[in-house]
Amino acid sequence: MKRLFFTLFITYCGFSVVAQRAFLRRGEFKDSCYHVLIIGVHIAGELPYGDLSSRFGGNFSAGLPILYKTDKNLIIGAEGNYIFGGNVREDPLAYMYTSANTITNGSGNPGQLRLNERGFTAYLVLGKVFSKLGKNKNSGLLTYFGLGYMQHKINIYDVGKSLPQVYGVLSKGYDRLTGGPAAMQFIGYMFLAKNRLANCYAGFEFQEGFTTGLRGYQYDTMTSDNKKRIDILMGIRIGWMLPLYKKTPKEFYYN
């Protein structure tokens, strides 16, 4: 998975550099810093650390940022991210398995069960674009941080709908639903082109969740889950953005 993250990052950065040079040659940038509302979409590959690493392995996330860039290159806004993955290290149903490593369903036959990671984060963000490191006054090094909320759980999927042990609300006794306040930091490069098509960004993200269990009782351990946790995610993010300009700029660079 680490190789995949690295390949995605290098490929995307290469595309950004090529696109930026092409638009500079064609004179697509306005020679001023302007304010603009930005709506985007991004994907990320993430690795867990802290308490989260004992429950899950690597995961992916997809998100939607809504940002406002001022004419001073300050960034304010919000973003939400959906977390998903298939690498579950903590199995709350382990005590149910037979010697053949299966779970018996209501008919006495082996049932099919899948465990996945599911969750989300939501943040209010504040940051800045340092245009001295960019090719125009609206692009450059992008840094921002956010405060918000993190939640995750073990998603229990009964393939044949034949396991009464985890049917309906009973699955809540095993899903390890966890949530709490969180912080996020991002550093990368943002490129805004006048034609609104080659607007992208890429960089590194860091998230820290100060969470606790949200279920009152765990069936497998027969205890409540109220342990304080520090759940950390670190990864590489790439994204595309649509700037909603108030009006089309009329002044451009020309070679």
Foldseek 3Di string as FASTA:
>chain_A
DVVVQVVVQVVQVVVLVVVVVVLQAVFFDFQAQAKWKKKKKKKWKKAKDFPVNQFFGIWMKIKIWIWIQHSQQKIWTKMKIKIKFQGTNDFLCQVQADPVRFHQFPVRDGWDKGKMKIWMWMWTKIWGADCVQDPHNNWHKTKMKTKTKIKMWIDMDGPVQGHPCCPDPNVVLRTQIKMAIKMKIWIWIWDDTLVQFSTKIKTKMKMWTFMWGDDQAHPSVRHGTGDTTIMMMIIIMIMGMGIDDPDRDDHTDHD
